[in-house]
Amino acid sequence: MVMEVLWEGECLDENGEIQALELSKVLYEKYDLGKTSCYTFFGRLLEKGAIARRYPKYTIKPIVTREEALQEQREEAIDKFFQGSFISFCKTFLKDKKISKEEIQEMKDIIKDFEKLEK
């Protein structure tokens, strides 16, 4: 929730920053999150390297893009649930689904594109 608000960017100043107190107010209005919970989330995001903090007024700036965060989550899920095997990941999602000839061709095209990148 915190990162979504930061990525939307409406609350950020011209430097792409916001004071933590102001961000906690935005989060309270939008999600009914209390100040203590907000600061807990801020601390966790700092530890993960998703945001940067500067003093003296505890100013926050997002340093991870939505795309970077999604990529990391995909990789973590594949590692955690499929022992790092992309093939196991694909098999799981395709196992019980009927796939059209067009979809099969599209998957083949994607594989060909990957093969071109590897060369």
C-alpha atoms as a PDB file:
ATOM      1  CA  MET A   1       0.000   0.000   0.000  1.00  0.00           C
ATOM      2  CA  VAL A   2       2.812   2.375   0.890  1.00  0.00           C
ATOM      3  CA  MET A   3       4.676   1.727  -2.331  1.00  0.00           C
ATOM      4  CA  GLU A   4       1.507   2.051  -4.410  1.00  0.00           C
ATOM      5  CA  VAL A   5       0.921   5.535  -2.979  1.00  0.00           C
ATOM      6  CA  LEU A   6       4.551   6.471  -3.655  1.00  0.00           C
ATOM      7  CA  TRP A   7       4.473   5.044  -7.187  1.00  0.00           C
ATOM      8  CA  GLU A   8       1.290   6.993  -7.968  1.00  0.00           C
ATOM      9  CA  GLY A   9       3.397  10.036  -7.146  1.00  0.00           C
ATOM     10  CA  GLU A  10       0.549  12.463  -6.439  1.00  0.00           C
ATOM     11  CA  CYS A  11       1.791  13.094  -2.899  1.00  0.00           C
ATOM     12  CA  LEU A  12       5.441  13.604  -3.862  1.00  0.00           C
ATOM     13  CA  ASP A  13       7.106  16.997  -4.151  1.00  0.00           C
ATOM     14  CA  GLU A  14       9.150  18.248  -7.114  1.00  0.00           C
ATOM     15  CA  ASN A  15      12.132  16.164  -5.897  1.00  0.00           C
ATOM     16  CA  GLY A  16      10.064  12.978  -5.776  1.00  0.00           C
ATOM     17  CA  GLU A  17      10.017  13.012  -1.961  1.00  0.00           C
ATOM     18  CA  ILE A  18       7.557  13.293   0.929  1.00  0.00           C
ATOM     19  CA  GLN A  19       7.967  13.711   4.662  1.00  0.00           C
ATOM     20  CA  ALA A  20       7.054  10.573   6.590  1.00  0.00           C
ATOM     21  CA  LEU A  21       4.482  12.407   8.680  1.00  0.00           C
ATOM     22  CA  GLU A  22       2.699  13.659   5.560  1.00  0.00           C
ATOM     23  CA  LEU A  23       2.822  10.197   3.988  1.00  0.00           C
ATOM     24  CA  SER A  24       1.318   8.691   7.128  1.00  0.00           C
ATOM     25  CA  LYS A  25      -1.551  11.202   6.829  1.00  0.00           C
ATOM     26  CA  VAL A  26      -2.143  10.196   3.203  1.00  0.00           C
ATOM     27  CA  LEU A  27      -2.132   6.514   4.183  1.00  0.00           C
ATOM     28  CA  TYR A  28      -4.552   7.186   7.018  1.00  0.00           C
ATOM     29  CA  GLU A  29      -6.972   8.961   4.677  1.00  0.00           C
ATOM     30  CA  LYS A  30      -6.692   6.356   1.955  1.00  0.00           C
ATOM     31  CA  TYR A  31      -6.396   3.085   3.945  1.00  0.00           C
ATOM     32  CA  ASP A  32      -7.185   4.038   7.563  1.00  0.00           C
ATOM     33  CA  LEU A  33      -3.622   3.072   8.575  1.00  0.00           C
ATOM     34  CA  GLY A  34      -2.464   4.404  11.919  1.00  0.00           C
ATOM     35  CA  LYS A  35       0.746   6.394  12.299  1.00  0.00           C
ATOM     36  CA  THR A  36       2.544   3.604  14.193  1.00  0.00           C
ATOM     37  CA  SER A  37       1.675   1.051  11.496  1.00  0.00           C
ATOM     38  CA  CYS A  38       2.876   3.441   8.800  1.00  0.00           C
ATOM     39  CA  TYR A  39       6.237   3.932  10.478  1.00  0.00           C
ATOM     40  CA  THR A  40       6.566   0.157  10.882  1.00  0.00           C
ATOM     41  CA  PHE A  41       6.022  -0.208   7.135  1.00  0.00           C
ATOM     42  CA  PHE A  42       8.493   2.594   6.427  1.00  0.00           C
ATOM     43  CA  GLY A  43      11.125   0.786   8.486  1.00  0.00           C
ATOM     44  CA  ARG A  44      10.559  -2.477   6.638  1.00  0.00           C
ATOM     45  CA  LEU A  45      10.747  -0.752   3.258  1.00  0.00           C
ATOM     46  CA  LEU A  46      13.995   0.923   4.309  1.00  0.00           C
ATOM     47  CA  GLU A  47      15.457  -2.451   5.298  1.00  0.00           C
ATOM     48  CA  LYS A  48      14.443  -3.914   1.934  1.00  0.00           C
ATOM     49  CA  GLY A  49      15.987  -1.005   0.057  1.00  0.00           C
ATOM     50  CA  ALA A  50      12.695   0.038  -1.526  1.00  0.00           C
ATOM     51  CA  ILE A  51      12.803   3.574  -0.138  1.00  0.00           C
ATOM     52  CA  ALA A  52      15.488   5.997   0.975  1.00  0.00           C
ATOM     53  CA  ARG A  53      15.265   8.246   4.019  1.00  0.00           C
ATOM     54  CA  ARG A  54      17.008  11.505   4.698  1.00  0.00           C
ATOM     55  CA  TYR A  55      17.011  13.735   7.708  1.00  0.00           C
ATOM     56  CA  PRO A  56      16.298  16.091   9.396  1.00  0.00           C
ATOM     57  CA  LYS A  57      12.566  15.698   8.695  1.00  0.00           C
ATOM     58  CA  TYR A  58      12.474  11.959   7.876  1.00  0.00           C
ATOM     59  CA  THR A  59      11.922  12.560   4.179  1.00  0.00           C
ATOM     60  CA  ILE A  60      11.106   9.474   2.115  1.00  0.00           C
ATOM     61  CA  LYS A  61      11.811   8.795  -1.534  1.00  0.00           C
ATOM     62  CA  PRO A  62      10.951   5.622  -3.484  1.00  0.00           C
ATOM     63  CA  ILE A  63      14.061   4.089  -5.034  1.00  0.00           C
ATOM     64  CA  VAL A  64      12.547   0.901  -6.456  1.00  0.00           C
ATOM     65  CA  THR A  65      10.175   1.057  -9.407  1.00  0.00           C
ATOM     66  CA  ARG A  66       6.976  -0.954  -9.612  1.00  0.00           C
ATOM     67  CA  GLU A  67       8.532  -3.031 -12.397  1.00  0.00           C
ATOM     68  CA  GLU A  68      11.623  -3.833 -10.304  1.00  0.00           C
ATOM     69  CA  ALA A  69       9.443  -4.867  -7.368  1.00  0.00           C
ATOM     70  CA  LEU A  70       7.281  -7.118  -9.551  1.00  0.00           C
ATOM     71  CA  GLN A  71      10.360  -8.734 -11.086  1.00  0.00           C
ATOM     72  CA  GLU A  72      11.745  -9.488  -7.645  1.00  0.00           C
ATOM     73  CA  GLN A  73       8.419 -10.938  -6.485  1.00  0.00           C
ATOM     74  CA  ARG A  74       8.240 -13.181  -9.569  1.00  0.00           C
ATOM     75  CA  GLU A  75      11.743 -14.472  -8.962  1.00  0.00           C
ATOM     76  CA  GLU A  76      11.057 -15.066  -5.253  1.00  0.00           C
ATOM     77  CA  ALA A  77       7.842 -16.976  -6.055  1.00  0.00           C
ATOM     78  CA  ILE A  78       9.551 -19.209  -8.602  1.00  0.00           C
ATOM     79  CA  ASP A  79      12.396 -19.903  -6.170  1.00  0.00           C
ATOM     80  CA  LYS A  80      10.069 -20.541  -3.220  1.00  0.00           C
ATOM     81  CA  PHE A  81       7.302 -22.571  -4.824  1.00  0.00           C
ATOM     82  CA  PHE A  82       9.034 -24.178  -7.807  1.00  0.00           C
ATOM     83  CA  GLN A  83      12.603 -24.647  -6.522  1.00  0.00           C
ATOM     84  CA  GLY A  84      13.800 -22.102  -9.063  1.00  0.00           C
ATOM     85  CA  SER A  85      12.503 -24.101 -12.026  1.00  0.00           C
ATOM     86  CA  PHE A  86      10.757 -21.978 -14.625  1.00  0.00           C
ATOM     87  CA  ILE A  87       9.626 -25.214 -16.357  1.00  0.00           C
ATOM     88  CA  SER A  88       7.853 -26.388 -13.171  1.00  0.00           C
ATOM     89  CA  PHE A  89       6.260 -22.957 -12.908  1.00  0.00           C
ATOM     90  CA  CYS A  90       4.903 -23.183 -16.469  1.00  0.00           C
ATOM     91  CA  LYS A  91       3.714 -26.775 -16.087  1.00  0.00           C
ATOM     92  CA  THR A  92       1.766 -25.895 -12.955  1.00  0.00           C
ATOM     93  CA  PHE A  93      -0.171 -23.134 -14.661  1.00  0.00           C
ATOM     94  CA  LEU A  94      -0.721 -25.012 -17.902  1.00  0.00           C
ATOM     95  CA  LYS A  95      -1.537 -28.432 -16.416  1.00  0.00           C
ATOM     96  CA  ASP A  96      -5.318 -28.110 -16.191  1.00  0.00           C
ATOM     97  CA  LYS A  97      -5.951 -25.476 -18.830  1.00  0.00           C
ATOM     98  CA  LYS A  98      -7.048 -26.065 -22.389  1.00  0.00           C
ATOM     99  CA  ILE A  99      -4.732 -24.145 -24.671  1.00  0.00           C
ATOM    100  CA  SER A 100      -5.702 -23.071 -28.170  1.00  0.00           C
ATOM    101  CA  LYS A 101      -3.490 -23.576 -31.190  1.00  0.00           C
ATOM    102  CA  GLU A 102      -3.061 -19.811 -31.354  1.00  0.00           C
ATOM    103  CA  GLU A 103      -1.818 -19.712 -27.745  1.00  0.00           C
ATOM    104  CA  ILE A 104       0.596 -22.565 -28.426  1.00  0.00           C
ATOM    105  CA  GLN A 105       1.948 -20.686 -31.432  1.00  0.00           C
ATOM    106  CA  GLU A 106       2.310 -17.534 -29.339  1.00  0.00           C
ATOM    107  CA  MET A 107       4.310 -19.486 -26.736  1.00  0.00           C
ATOM    108  CA  LYS A 108       6.541 -20.876 -29.491  1.00  0.00           C
ATOM    109  CA  ASP A 109       7.106 -17.352 -30.777  1.00  0.00           C
ATOM    110  CA  ILE A 110       8.061 -16.195 -27.276  1.00  0.00           C
ATOM    111  CA  ILE A 111      10.575 -19.044 -27.008  1.00  0.00           C
ATOM    112  CA  LYS A 112      12.026 -18.152 -30.409  1.00  0.00           C
ATOM    113  CA  ASP A 113      12.420 -14.538 -29.239  1.00  0.00           C
ATOM    114  CA  PHE A 114      14.266 -15.744 -26.148  1.00  0.00           C
ATOM    115  CA  GLU A 115      16.516 -17.926 -28.272  1.00  0.00           C
ATOM    116  CA  LYS A 116      17.402 -14.919 -30.415  1.00  0.00           C
ATOM    117  CA  LEU A 117      18.360 -12.964 -27.293  1.00  0.00           C
ATOM    118  CA  GLU A 118      20.636 -15.785 -26.112  1.00  0.00           C
ATOM    119  CA  LYS A 119      22.702 -15.706 -29.327  1.00  0.00           C
END
